[in-house]
């Protein structure tokens, strides 16, 4: 319960900071990120990790592409410390160019640098 209150309070503070006070923000997101992909047949999951950015990885359900895309975006925005309010309310997200298990997958931000 306390964690839920803290999350809502943090999001409210960011809302005031970025929406009401119109604070400037700049988050140097890369234009694209290459991921290695593997299938874990035992657990029926998709393992996605970036060699370029250590610690940036996702474990997603196997047959749900939209959930995988959402999880990858959440991981990217978290990795680059993008405030939750900004990440939730941005119109752009990283999308996969091709997502084939066992092959490199590139997630691309469609309009170039997101917040720079």
PDB file of N, CA and C in Angstrom:
ATOM      1  N   UNK A   1       0.824  -1.195   0.000  1.00  0.00           N
ATOM      2  CA  UNK A   1       0.000   0.000   0.000  1.00  0.00           C
ATOM      3  C   UNK A   1       0.868   1.260   0.000  1.00  0.00           C
ATOM      4  N   UNK A   2       1.906   1.261   0.833  1.00  0.00           N
ATOM      5  CA  UNK A   2       2.790   2.420   0.915  1.00  0.00           C
ATOM      6  C   UNK A   2       3.522   2.648  -0.396  1.00  0.00           C
ATOM      7  N   UNK A   3       3.933   1.564  -1.050  1.00  0.00           N
ATOM      8  CA  UNK A   3       4.625   1.686  -2.337  1.00  0.00           C
ATOM      9  C   UNK A   3       3.706   2.293  -3.383  1.00  0.00           C
ATOM     10  N   UNK A   4       2.447   1.877  -3.382  1.00  0.00           N
ATOM     11  CA  UNK A   4       1.468   2.419  -4.327  1.00  0.00           C
ATOM     12  C   UNK A   4       1.293   3.920  -4.124  1.00  0.00           C
ATOM     13  N   UNK A   5       1.230   4.351  -2.878  1.00  0.00           N
ATOM     14  CA  UNK A   5       1.091   5.776  -2.573  1.00  0.00           C
ATOM     15  C   UNK A   5       2.329   6.536  -3.042  1.00  0.00           C
ATOM     16  N   UNK A   6       3.520   5.950  -2.809  1.00  0.00           N
ATOM     17  CA  UNK A   6       4.758   6.597  -3.241  1.00  0.00           C
ATOM     18  C   UNK A   6       4.803   6.744  -4.764  1.00  0.00           C
ATOM     19  N   UNK A   7       4.379   5.707  -5.483  1.00  0.00           N
ATOM     20  CA  UNK A   7       4.382   5.766  -6.947  1.00  0.00           C
ATOM     21  C   UNK A   7       3.451   6.860  -7.454  1.00  0.00           C
ATOM     22  N   UNK A   8       2.255   6.928  -6.911  1.00  0.00           N
ATOM     23  CA  UNK A   8       1.296   7.956  -7.350  1.00  0.00           C
ATOM     24  C   UNK A   8       1.783   9.359  -6.990  1.00  0.00           C
ATOM     25  N   UNK A   9       2.396   9.495  -5.825  1.00  0.00           N
ATOM     26  CA  UNK A   9       2.913  10.789  -5.415  1.00  0.00           C
ATOM     27  C   UNK A   9       4.051  11.226  -6.340  1.00  0.00           C
ATOM     28  N   UNK A  10       4.946  10.299  -6.677  1.00  0.00           N
ATOM     29  CA  UNK A  10       6.053  10.622  -7.583  1.00  0.00           C
ATOM     30  C   UNK A  10       5.527  11.023  -8.954  1.00  0.00           C
ATOM     31  N   UNK A  11       4.527  10.316  -9.440  1.00  0.00           N
ATOM     32  CA  UNK A  11       3.948  10.657 -10.742  1.00  0.00           C
ATOM     33  C   UNK A  11       3.242  12.016 -10.696  1.00  0.00           C
ATOM     34  N   UNK A  12       2.581  12.315  -9.586  1.00  0.00           N
ATOM     35  CA  UNK A  12       1.916  13.607  -9.428  1.00  0.00           C
ATOM     36  C   UNK A  12       2.933  14.744  -9.423  1.00  0.00           C
ATOM     37  N   UNK A  13       4.053  14.547  -8.726  1.00  0.00           N
ATOM     38  CA  UNK A  13       5.114  15.563  -8.683  1.00  0.00           C
ATOM     39  C   UNK A  13       5.675  15.780 -10.087  1.00  0.00           C
ATOM     40  N   UNK A  14       5.885  14.702 -10.828  1.00  0.00           N
ATOM     41  CA  UNK A  14       6.392  14.832 -12.199  1.00  0.00           C
ATOM     42  C   UNK A  14       5.360  15.515 -13.097  1.00  0.00           C
ATOM     43  N   UNK A  15       4.083  15.248 -12.884  1.00  0.00           N
ATOM     44  CA  UNK A  15       3.028  15.923 -13.638  1.00  0.00           C
ATOM     45  C   UNK A  15       3.120  17.433 -13.423  1.00  0.00           C
ATOM     46  N   UNK A  16       3.245  17.846 -12.181  1.00  0.00           N
ATOM     47  CA  UNK A  16       3.359  19.273 -11.882  1.00  0.00           C
ATOM     48  C   UNK A  16       4.632  19.841 -12.504  1.00  0.00           C
ATOM     49  N   UNK A  17       5.725  19.112 -12.357  1.00  0.00           N
ATOM     50  CA  UNK A  17       7.013  19.583 -12.853  1.00  0.00           C
ATOM     51  C   UNK A  17       7.008  19.770 -14.369  1.00  0.00           C
ATOM     52  N   UNK A  18       6.514  18.766 -15.110  1.00  0.00           N
ATOM     53  CA  UNK A  18       6.633  18.804 -16.572  1.00  0.00           C
ATOM     54  C   UNK A  18       5.404  19.381 -17.281  1.00  0.00           C
ATOM     55  N   UNK A  19       4.225  19.209 -16.712  1.00  0.00           N
ATOM     56  CA  UNK A  19       3.005  19.670 -17.382  1.00  0.00           C
ATOM     57  C   UNK A  19       2.614  21.081 -16.937  1.00  0.00           C
ATOM     58  N   UNK A  20       2.572  21.303 -15.644  1.00  0.00           N
ATOM     59  CA  UNK A  20       2.126  22.596 -15.119  1.00  0.00           C
ATOM     60  C   UNK A  20       3.245  23.642 -15.202  1.00  0.00           C
ATOM     61  N   UNK A  21       4.428  23.278 -14.672  1.00  0.00           N
ATOM     62  CA  UNK A  21       5.539  24.232 -14.644  1.00  0.00           C
ATOM     63  C   UNK A  21       6.329  24.248 -15.950  1.00  0.00           C
ATOM     64  N   UNK A  22       6.037  23.296 -16.816  1.00  0.00           N
ATOM     65  CA  UNK A  22       6.678  23.195 -18.126  1.00  0.00           C
ATOM     66  C   UNK A  22       8.208  23.151 -18.035  1.00  0.00           C
ATOM     67  N   UNK A  23       8.694  22.350 -17.101  1.00  0.00           N
ATOM     68  CA  UNK A  23      10.144  22.185 -16.958  1.00  0.00           C
ATOM     69  C   UNK A  23      10.711  21.578 -18.232  1.00  0.00           C
ATOM     70  N   UNK A  24      11.885  22.027 -18.597  1.00  0.00           N
ATOM     71  CA  UNK A  24      12.555  21.484 -19.777  1.00  0.00           C
ATOM     72  C   UNK A  24      13.138  20.121 -19.419  1.00  0.00           C
ATOM     73  N   UNK A  25      13.127  19.234 -20.357  1.00  0.00           N
ATOM     74  CA  UNK A  25      13.716  17.924 -20.112  1.00  0.00           C
ATOM     75  C   UNK A  25      14.495  17.485 -21.339  1.00  0.00           C
ATOM     76  N   UNK A  26      15.566  16.765 -21.071  1.00  0.00           N
ATOM     77  CA  UNK A  26      16.403  16.244 -22.140  1.00  0.00           C
ATOM     78  C   UNK A  26      16.965  14.906 -21.694  1.00  0.00           C
ATOM     79  N   UNK A  27      16.608  13.863 -22.415  1.00  0.00           N
ATOM     80  CA  UNK A  27      17.070  12.523 -22.094  1.00  0.00           C
ATOM     81  C   UNK A  27      17.731  11.959 -23.339  1.00  0.00           C
ATOM     82  N   UNK A  28      19.023  11.751 -23.304  1.00  0.00           N
ATOM     83  CA  UNK A  28      19.740  11.316 -24.504  1.00  0.00           C
ATOM     84  C   UNK A  28      19.495   9.837 -24.830  1.00  0.00           C
ATOM     85  N   UNK A  29      18.376   9.577 -25.443  1.00  0.00           N
ATOM     86  CA  UNK A  29      18.071   8.214 -25.871  1.00  0.00           C
ATOM     87  C   UNK A  29      18.737   7.943 -27.215  1.00  0.00           C
ATOM     88  N   UNK A  30      19.239   6.745 -27.407  1.00  0.00           N
ATOM     89  CA  UNK A  30      19.802   6.417 -28.717  1.00  0.00           C
ATOM     90  C   UNK A  30      18.700   6.313 -29.759  1.00  0.00           C
ATOM     91  N   UNK A  31      19.065   6.461 -30.997  1.00  0.00           N
ATOM     92  CA  UNK A  31      18.097   6.371 -32.090  1.00  0.00           C
ATOM     93  C   UNK A  31      17.613   4.936 -32.280  1.00  0.00           C
ATOM     94  N   UNK A  32      18.521   3.974 -32.029  1.00  0.00           N
ATOM     95  CA  UNK A  32      18.143   2.567 -32.130  1.00  0.00           C
ATOM     96  C   UNK A  32      19.005   1.751 -31.173  1.00  0.00           C
ATOM     97  N   UNK A  33      18.502   0.592 -30.795  1.00  0.00           N
ATOM     98  CA  UNK A  33      19.212  -0.308 -29.895  1.00  0.00           C
ATOM     99  C   UNK A  33      19.115  -1.721 -30.466  1.00  0.00           C
ATOM    100  N   UNK A  34      20.262  -2.383 -30.572  1.00  0.00           N
ATOM    101  CA  UNK A  34      20.290  -3.770 -31.046  1.00  0.00           C
ATOM    102  C   UNK A  34      20.143  -4.719 -29.862  1.00  0.00           C
ATOM    103  N   UNK A  35      19.298  -5.713 -30.040  1.00  0.00           N
ATOM    104  CA  UNK A  35      19.070  -6.721 -29.011  1.00  0.00           C
ATOM    105  C   UNK A  35      19.354  -8.100 -29.578  1.00  0.00           C
ATOM    106  N   UNK A  36      19.862  -8.989 -28.732  1.00  0.00           N
ATOM    107  CA  UNK A  36      19.953 -10.410 -29.059  1.00  0.00           C
ATOM    108  C   UNK A  36      18.693 -11.063 -28.524  1.00  0.00           C
ATOM    109  N   UNK A  37      18.132 -11.980 -29.279  1.00  0.00           N
ATOM    110  CA  UNK A  37      16.897 -12.632 -28.856  1.00  0.00           C
ATOM    111  C   UNK A  37      17.078 -14.144 -28.813  1.00  0.00           C
ATOM    112  N   UNK A  38      16.462 -14.751 -27.828  1.00  0.00           N
ATOM    113  CA  UNK A  38      16.480 -16.211 -27.682  1.00  0.00           C
ATOM    114  C   UNK A  38      15.124 -16.665 -27.165  1.00  0.00           C
ATOM    115  N   UNK A  39      14.803 -17.899 -27.448  1.00  0.00           N
ATOM    116  CA  UNK A  39      13.567 -18.482 -26.934  1.00  0.00           C
ATOM    117  C   UNK A  39      13.921 -19.472 -25.834  1.00  0.00           C
ATOM    118  N   UNK A  40      13.212 -19.368 -24.733  1.00  0.00           N
ATOM    119  CA  UNK A  40      13.306 -20.357 -23.659  1.00  0.00           C
ATOM    120  C   UNK A  40      12.053 -21.221 -23.757  1.00  0.00           C
ATOM    121  N   UNK A  41      12.190 -22.355 -24.442  1.00  0.00           N
ATOM    122  CA  UNK A  41      11.022 -23.210 -24.688  1.00  0.00           C
ATOM    123  C   UNK A  41      10.463 -23.795 -23.400  1.00  0.00           C
ATOM    124  N   UNK A  42      11.333 -24.060 -22.438  1.00  0.00           N
ATOM    125  CA  UNK A  42      10.889 -24.646 -21.174  1.00  0.00           C
ATOM    126  C   UNK A  42       9.898 -23.729 -20.461  1.00  0.00           C
ATOM    127  N   UNK A  43      10.231 -22.446 -20.407  1.00  0.00           N
ATOM    128  CA  UNK A  43       9.376 -21.476 -19.713  1.00  0.00           C
ATOM    129  C   UNK A  43       8.445 -20.716 -20.653  1.00  0.00           C
ATOM    130  N   UNK A  44       8.529 -21.000 -21.947  1.00  0.00           N
ATOM    131  CA  UNK A  44       7.709 -20.335 -22.966  1.00  0.00           C
ATOM    132  C   UNK A  44       7.868 -18.818 -22.897  1.00  0.00           C
ATOM    133  N   UNK A  45       9.145 -18.391 -22.885  1.00  0.00           N
ATOM    134  CA  UNK A  45       9.433 -16.964 -22.822  1.00  0.00           C
ATOM    135  C   UNK A  45      10.428 -16.576 -23.901  1.00  0.00           C
ATOM    136  N   UNK A  46      10.464 -15.296 -24.155  1.00  0.00           N
ATOM    137  CA  UNK A  46      11.325 -14.666 -25.136  1.00  0.00           C
ATOM    138  C   UNK A  46      12.376 -13.897 -24.336  1.00  0.00           C
ATOM    139  N   UNK A  47      13.653 -14.216 -24.509  1.00  0.00           N
ATOM    140  CA  UNK A  47      14.724 -13.538 -23.789  1.00  0.00           C
ATOM    141  C   UNK A  47      15.356 -12.506 -24.710  1.00  0.00           C
ATOM    142  N   UNK A  48      15.359 -11.269 -24.302  1.00  0.00           N
ATOM    143  CA  UNK A  48      15.855 -10.176 -25.127  1.00  0.00           C
ATOM    144  C   UNK A  48      16.879  -9.396 -24.307  1.00  0.00           C
ATOM    145  N   UNK A  49      18.116  -9.267 -24.811  1.00  0.00           N
ATOM    146  CA  UNK A  49      19.108  -8.486 -24.083  1.00  0.00           C
ATOM    147  C   UNK A  49      19.998  -7.705 -25.045  1.00  0.00           C
ATOM    148  N   UNK A  50      20.561  -6.615 -24.523  1.00  0.00           N
ATOM    149  CA  UNK A  50      21.422  -5.756 -25.316  1.00  0.00           C
ATOM    150  C   UNK A  50      22.865  -5.916 -24.866  1.00  0.00           C
ATOM    151  N   UNK A  51      23.738  -6.277 -25.793  1.00  0.00           N
ATOM    152  CA  UNK A  51      25.162  -6.374 -25.488  1.00  0.00           C
ATOM    153  C   UNK A  51      25.767  -4.983 -25.348  1.00  0.00           C
ATOM    154  N   UNK A  52      25.184  -4.022 -26.042  1.00  0.00           N
ATOM    155  CA  UNK A  52      25.683  -2.645 -26.050  1.00  0.00           C
ATOM    156  C   UNK A  52      25.428  -1.927 -24.721  1.00  0.00           C
ATOM    157  N   UNK A  53      24.330  -2.260 -24.061  1.00  0.00           N
ATOM    158  CA  UNK A  53      23.942  -1.638 -22.796  1.00  0.00           C
ATOM    159  C   UNK A  53      23.771  -2.717 -21.737  1.00  0.00           C
ATOM    160  N   UNK A  54      24.821  -2.999 -20.957  1.00  0.00           N
ATOM    161  CA  UNK A  54      24.749  -4.059 -19.949  1.00  0.00           C
ATOM    162  C   UNK A  54      23.616  -3.816 -18.951  1.00  0.00           C
ATOM    163  N   UNK A  55      22.874  -4.843 -18.662  1.00  0.00           N
ATOM    164  CA  UNK A  55      21.762  -4.731 -17.725  1.00  0.00           C
ATOM    165  C   UNK A  55      20.443  -4.391 -18.381  1.00  0.00           C
ATOM    166  N   UNK A  56      20.454  -4.123 -19.664  1.00  0.00           N
ATOM    167  CA  UNK A  56      19.214  -3.841 -20.394  1.00  0.00           C
ATOM    168  C   UNK A  56      18.728  -5.139 -21.007  1.00  0.00           C
ATOM    169  N   UNK A  57      17.732  -5.737 -20.371  1.00  0.00           N
ATOM    170  CA  UNK A  57      17.204  -7.006 -20.853  1.00  0.00           C
ATOM    171  C   UNK A  57      15.722  -7.123 -20.496  1.00  0.00           C
ATOM    172  N   UNK A  58      15.048  -8.017 -21.182  1.00  0.00           N
ATOM    173  CA  UNK A  58      13.620  -8.243 -20.977  1.00  0.00           C
ATOM    174  C   UNK A  58      13.344  -9.733 -21.098  1.00  0.00           C
ATOM    175  N   UNK A  59      12.459 -10.219 -20.259  1.00  0.00           N
ATOM    176  CA  UNK A  59      11.927 -11.571 -20.401  1.00  0.00           C
ATOM    177  C   UNK A  59      10.433 -11.389 -20.652  1.00  0.00           C
ATOM    178  N   UNK A  60       9.992 -11.803 -21.829  1.00  0.00           N
ATOM    179  CA  UNK A  60       8.609 -11.541 -22.252  1.00  0.00           C
ATOM    180  C   UNK A  60       7.898 -12.839 -22.610  1.00  0.00           C
ATOM    181  N   UNK A  61       6.554 -12.838 -22.563  1.00  0.00           N
ATOM    182  CA  UNK A  61       5.809 -14.020 -22.998  1.00  0.00           C
ATOM    183  C   UNK A  61       6.046 -14.275 -24.482  1.00  0.00           C
ATOM    184  N   UNK A  62       6.008 -15.523 -24.853  1.00  0.00           N
ATOM    185  CA  UNK A  62       6.410 -15.931 -26.194  1.00  0.00           C
ATOM    186  C   UNK A  62       5.494 -15.441 -27.311  1.00  0.00           C
ATOM    187  N   UNK A  63       4.203 -15.518 -27.138  1.00  0.00           N
ATOM    188  CA  UNK A  63       3.285 -15.264 -28.250  1.00  0.00           C
ATOM    189  C   UNK A  63       2.516 -13.956 -28.133  1.00  0.00           C
ATOM    190  N   UNK A  64       3.087 -12.965 -27.497  1.00  0.00           N
ATOM    191  CA  UNK A  64       2.391 -11.696 -27.330  1.00  0.00           C
ATOM    192  C   UNK A  64       3.315 -10.543 -27.727  1.00  0.00           C
ATOM    193  N   UNK A  65       3.295 -10.196 -29.004  1.00  0.00           N
ATOM    194  CA  UNK A  65       4.216  -9.191 -29.529  1.00  0.00           C
ATOM    195  C   UNK A  65       4.005  -7.819 -28.904  1.00  0.00           C
ATOM    196  N   UNK A  66       2.763  -7.409 -28.687  1.00  0.00           N
ATOM    197  CA  UNK A  66       2.504  -6.082 -28.112  1.00  0.00           C
ATOM    198  C   UNK A  66       3.044  -5.989 -26.693  1.00  0.00           C
ATOM    199  N   UNK A  67       2.866  -7.035 -25.899  1.00  0.00           N
ATOM    200  CA  UNK A  67       3.409  -7.042 -24.538  1.00  0.00           C
ATOM    201  C   UNK A  67       4.930  -6.969 -24.581  1.00  0.00           C
ATOM    202  N   UNK A  68       5.534  -7.682 -25.518  1.00  0.00           N
ATOM    203  CA  UNK A  68       6.991  -7.650 -25.669  1.00  0.00           C
ATOM    204  C   UNK A  68       7.465  -6.238 -25.988  1.00  0.00           C
ATOM    205  N   UNK A  69       6.797  -5.573 -26.911  1.00  0.00           N
ATOM    206  CA  UNK A  69       7.153  -4.198 -27.275  1.00  0.00           C
ATOM    207  C   UNK A  69       7.002  -3.275 -26.068  1.00  0.00           C
ATOM    208  N   UNK A  70       5.909  -3.417 -25.328  1.00  0.00           N
ATOM    209  CA  UNK A  70       5.688  -2.587 -24.137  1.00  0.00           C
ATOM    210  C   UNK A  70       6.769  -2.822 -23.087  1.00  0.00           C
ATOM    211  N   UNK A  71       7.134  -4.090 -22.878  1.00  0.00           N
ATOM    212  CA  UNK A  71       8.164  -4.416 -21.888  1.00  0.00           C
ATOM    213  C   UNK A  71       9.534  -3.877 -22.293  1.00  0.00           C
ATOM    214  N   UNK A  72       9.847  -3.967 -23.584  1.00  0.00           N
ATOM    215  CA  UNK A  72      11.126  -3.432 -24.068  1.00  0.00           C
ATOM    216  C   UNK A  72      11.163  -1.912 -23.887  1.00  0.00           C
ATOM    217  N   UNK A  73      10.084  -1.229 -24.219  1.00  0.00           N
ATOM    218  CA  UNK A  73      10.034   0.219 -24.036  1.00  0.00           C
ATOM    219  C   UNK A  73      10.179   0.596 -22.566  1.00  0.00           C
ATOM    220  N   UNK A  74       9.495  -0.117 -21.690  1.00  0.00           N
ATOM    221  CA  UNK A  74       9.605   0.144 -20.262  1.00  0.00           C
ATOM    222  C   UNK A  74      11.046  -0.045 -19.792  1.00  0.00           C
ATOM    223  N   UNK A  75      11.690  -1.107 -20.263  1.00  0.00           N
ATOM    224  CA  UNK A  75      13.079  -1.371 -19.880  1.00  0.00           C
ATOM    225  C   UNK A  75      14.012  -0.269 -20.393  1.00  0.00           C
ATOM    226  N   UNK A  76      13.802   0.176 -21.621  1.00  0.00           N
ATOM    227  CA  UNK A  76      14.648   1.233 -22.196  1.00  0.00           C
ATOM    228  C   UNK A  76      14.475   2.541 -21.417  1.00  0.00           C
ATOM    229  N   UNK A  77      13.229   2.940 -21.193  1.00  0.00           N
ATOM    230  CA  UNK A  77      12.986   4.193 -20.474  1.00  0.00           C
ATOM    231  C   UNK A  77      13.513   4.120 -19.041  1.00  0.00           C
ATOM    232  N   UNK A  78      13.408   2.970 -18.411  1.00  0.00           N
ATOM    233  CA  UNK A  78      13.953   2.793 -17.061  1.00  0.00           C
ATOM    234  C   UNK A  78      15.478   2.845 -17.084  1.00  0.00           C
ATOM    235  N   UNK A  79      16.077   2.168 -18.044  1.00  0.00           N
ATOM    236  CA  UNK A  79      17.535   2.122 -18.160  1.00  0.00           C
ATOM    237  C   UNK A  79      18.128   3.520 -18.327  1.00  0.00           C
ATOM    238  N   UNK A  80      17.464   4.348 -19.104  1.00  0.00           N
ATOM    239  CA  UNK A  80      17.974   5.701 -19.374  1.00  0.00           C
ATOM    240  C   UNK A  80      17.383   6.755 -18.427  1.00  0.00           C
ATOM    241  N   UNK A  81      16.754   6.318 -17.354  1.00  0.00           N
ATOM    242  CA  UNK A  81      16.234   7.203 -16.298  1.00  0.00           C
ATOM    243  C   UNK A  81      15.253   8.256 -16.801  1.00  0.00           C
ATOM    244  N   UNK A  82      14.410   7.888 -17.738  1.00  0.00           N
ATOM    245  CA  UNK A  82      13.359   8.798 -18.197  1.00  0.00           C
ATOM    246  C   UNK A  82      12.266   8.784 -17.128  1.00  0.00           C
ATOM    247  N   UNK A  83      11.860   9.945 -16.621  1.00  0.00           N
ATOM    248  CA  UNK A  83      10.812   9.971 -15.594  1.00  0.00           C
ATOM    249  C   UNK A  83       9.546   9.262 -16.070  1.00  0.00           C
ATOM    250  N   UNK A  84       8.895   8.610 -15.135  1.00  0.00           N
ATOM    251  CA  UNK A  84       7.714   7.804 -15.458  1.00  0.00           C
ATOM    252  C   UNK A  84       6.635   8.614 -16.177  1.00  0.00           C
ATOM    253  N   UNK A  85       6.386   9.821 -15.717  1.00  0.00           N
ATOM    254  CA  UNK A  85       5.346  10.645 -16.343  1.00  0.00           C
ATOM    255  C   UNK A  85       5.654  10.883 -17.819  1.00  0.00           C
ATOM    256  N   UNK A  86       6.920  11.191 -18.124  1.00  0.00           N
ATOM    257  CA  UNK A  86       7.319  11.440 -19.510  1.00  0.00           C
ATOM    258  C   UNK A  86       7.202  10.154 -20.323  1.00  0.00           C
ATOM    259  N   UNK A  87       7.694   9.055 -19.782  1.00  0.00           N
ATOM    260  CA  UNK A  87       7.655   7.780 -20.504  1.00  0.00           C
ATOM    261  C   UNK A  87       6.224   7.352 -20.813  1.00  0.00           C
ATOM    262  N   UNK A  88       5.319   7.545 -19.859  1.00  0.00           N
ATOM    263  CA  UNK A  88       3.927   7.138 -20.064  1.00  0.00           C
ATOM    264  C   UNK A  88       3.193   8.036 -21.047  1.00  0.00           C
ATOM    265  N   UNK A  89       3.606   9.289 -21.127  1.00  0.00           N
ATOM    266  CA  UNK A  89       2.848  10.251 -21.921  1.00  0.00           C
ATOM    267  C   UNK A  89       3.508  10.647 -23.231  1.00  0.00           C
ATOM    268  N   UNK A  90       4.592  10.003 -23.578  1.00  0.00           N
ATOM    269  CA  UNK A  90       5.201  10.303 -24.868  1.00  0.00           C
ATOM    270  C   UNK A  90       4.433   9.563 -25.962  1.00  0.00           C
ATOM    271  N   UNK A  91       4.314  10.188 -27.108  1.00  0.00           N
ATOM    272  CA  UNK A  91       3.598   9.556 -28.217  1.00  0.00           C
ATOM    273  C   UNK A  91       4.476   8.546 -28.938  1.00  0.00           C
ATOM    274  N   UNK A  92       5.771   8.720 -28.832  1.00  0.00           N
ATOM    275  CA  UNK A  92       6.693   7.839 -29.542  1.00  0.00           C
ATOM    276  C   UNK A  92       7.212   6.741 -28.634  1.00  0.00           C
ATOM    277  N   UNK A  93       7.462   5.622 -29.235  1.00  0.00           N
ATOM    278  CA  UNK A  93       8.058   4.499 -28.529  1.00  0.00           C
ATOM    279  C   UNK A  93       9.003   3.799 -29.487  1.00  0.00           C
ATOM    280  N   UNK A  94       9.865   2.978 -28.909  1.00  0.00           N
ATOM    281  CA  UNK A  94      10.740   2.151 -29.731  1.00  0.00           C
ATOM    282  C   UNK A  94       9.924   1.006 -30.323  1.00  0.00           C
ATOM    283  N   UNK A  95      10.130   0.732 -31.596  1.00  0.00           N
ATOM    284  CA  UNK A  95       9.440  -0.364 -32.264  1.00  0.00           C
ATOM    285  C   UNK A  95      10.460  -1.277 -32.924  1.00  0.00           C
ATOM    286  N   UNK A  96      10.173  -2.568 -32.980  1.00  0.00           N
ATOM    287  CA  UNK A  96      11.140  -3.493 -33.592  1.00  0.00           C
ATOM    288  C   UNK A  96      11.117  -3.392 -35.109  1.00  0.00           C
ATOM    289  N   UNK A  97      12.303  -3.447 -35.705  1.00  0.00           N
ATOM    290  CA  UNK A  97      12.372  -3.503 -37.176  1.00  0.00           C
ATOM    291  C   UNK A  97      12.010  -4.901 -37.642  1.00  0.00           C
ATOM    292  N   UNK A  98      12.545  -5.872 -36.949  1.00  0.00           N
ATOM    293  CA  UNK A  98      12.211  -7.273 -37.224  1.00  0.00           C
ATOM    294  C   UNK A  98      12.435  -8.026 -35.925  1.00  0.00           C
ATOM    295  N   UNK A  99      11.508  -8.845 -35.541  1.00  0.00           N
ATOM    296  CA  UNK A  99      11.633  -9.557 -34.280  1.00  0.00           C
ATOM    297  C   UNK A  99      11.554 -11.052 -34.563  1.00  0.00           C
ATOM    298  N   UNK A 100      12.716 -11.658 -34.767  1.00  0.00           N
ATOM    299  CA  UNK A 100      12.786 -13.088 -35.032  1.00  0.00           C
ATOM    300  C   UNK A 100      13.634 -13.737 -33.960  1.00  0.00           C
ATOM    301  N   UNK A 101      13.103 -14.746 -33.293  1.00  0.00           N
ATOM    302  CA  UNK A 101      13.853 -15.424 -32.239  1.00  0.00           C
ATOM    303  C   UNK A 101      15.182 -15.973 -32.751  1.00  0.00           C
ATOM    304  N   UNK A 102      16.217 -15.821 -31.943  1.00  0.00           N
ATOM    305  CA  UNK A 102      17.526 -16.334 -32.304  1.00  0.00           C
ATOM    306  C   UNK A 102      18.326 -15.406 -33.196  1.00  0.00           C
ATOM    307  N   UNK A 103      17.753 -14.273 -33.570  1.00  0.00           N
ATOM    308  CA  UNK A 103      18.448 -13.317 -34.434  1.00  0.00           C
ATOM    309  C   UNK A 103      18.492 -11.961 -33.752  1.00  0.00           C
ATOM    310  N   UNK A 104      19.383 -11.111 -34.249  1.00  0.00           N
ATOM    311  CA  UNK A 104      19.443  -9.759 -33.712  1.00  0.00           C
ATOM    312  C   UNK A 104      18.174  -9.000 -34.089  1.00  0.00           C
ATOM    313  N   UNK A 105      17.678  -8.256 -33.141  1.00  0.00           N
ATOM    314  CA  UNK A 105      16.495  -7.435 -33.365  1.00  0.00           C
ATOM    315  C   UNK A 105      16.859  -6.000 -33.042  1.00  0.00           C
ATOM    316  N   UNK A 106      16.506  -5.087 -33.919  1.00  0.00           N
ATOM    317  CA  UNK A 106      16.789  -3.678 -33.688  1.00  0.00           C
ATOM    318  C   UNK A 106      15.489  -2.966 -33.340  1.00  0.00           C
ATOM    319  N   UNK A 107      15.485  -2.301 -32.188  1.00  0.00           N
ATOM    320  CA  UNK A 107      14.351  -1.465 -31.814  1.00  0.00           C
ATOM    321  C   UNK A 107      14.707  -0.035 -32.179  1.00  0.00           C
ATOM    322  N   UNK A 108      13.842   0.616 -32.922  1.00  0.00           N
ATOM    323  CA  UNK A 108      14.123   1.939 -33.496  1.00  0.00           C
ATOM    324  C   UNK A 108      13.112   2.953 -32.957  1.00  0.00           C
ATOM    325  N   UNK A 109      13.617   4.129 -32.638  1.00  0.00           N
ATOM    326  CA  UNK A 109      12.745   5.231 -32.247  1.00  0.00           C
ATOM    327  C   UNK A 109      12.358   5.967 -33.518  1.00  0.00           C
ATOM    328  N   UNK A 110      11.075   6.026 -33.873  1.00  0.00           N
ATOM    329  CA  UNK A 110      10.671   6.497 -35.202  1.00  0.00           C
ATOM    330  C   UNK A 110      11.004   7.939 -35.552  1.00  0.00           C
ATOM    331  N   UNK A 111      11.083   8.806 -34.594  1.00  0.00           N
ATOM    332  CA  UNK A 111      11.323  10.216 -34.925  1.00  0.00           C
ATOM    333  C   UNK A 111      12.692  10.689 -34.451  1.00  0.00           C
ATOM    334  N   UNK A 112      13.678   9.817 -34.491  1.00  0.00           N
ATOM    335  CA  UNK A 112      15.027  10.225 -34.107  1.00  0.00           C
ATOM    336  C   UNK A 112      15.190  10.306 -32.602  1.00  0.00           C
ATOM    337  N   UNK A 113      16.030  11.212 -32.161  1.00  0.00           N
ATOM    338  CA  UNK A 113      16.294  11.328 -30.732  1.00  0.00           C
ATOM    339  C   UNK A 113      15.049  11.807 -30.008  1.00  0.00           C
ATOM    340  N   UNK A 114      14.668  11.075 -28.994  1.00  0.00           N
ATOM    341  CA  UNK A 114      13.399  11.286 -28.333  1.00  0.00           C
ATOM    342  C   UNK A 114      13.311  12.604 -27.582  1.00  0.00           C
ATOM    343  N   UNK A 115      14.227  12.852 -26.693  1.00  0.00           N
ATOM    344  CA  UNK A 115      14.075  13.978 -25.800  1.00  0.00           C
ATOM    345  C   UNK A 115      15.262  14.921 -25.832  1.00  0.00           C
ATOM    346  N   UNK A 116      16.122  14.783 -26.831  1.00  0.00           N
ATOM    347  CA  UNK A 116      17.316  15.633 -26.865  1.00  0.00           C
ATOM    348  C   UNK A 116      17.007  16.950 -27.545  1.00  0.00           C
TER     349      UNK A 116
END
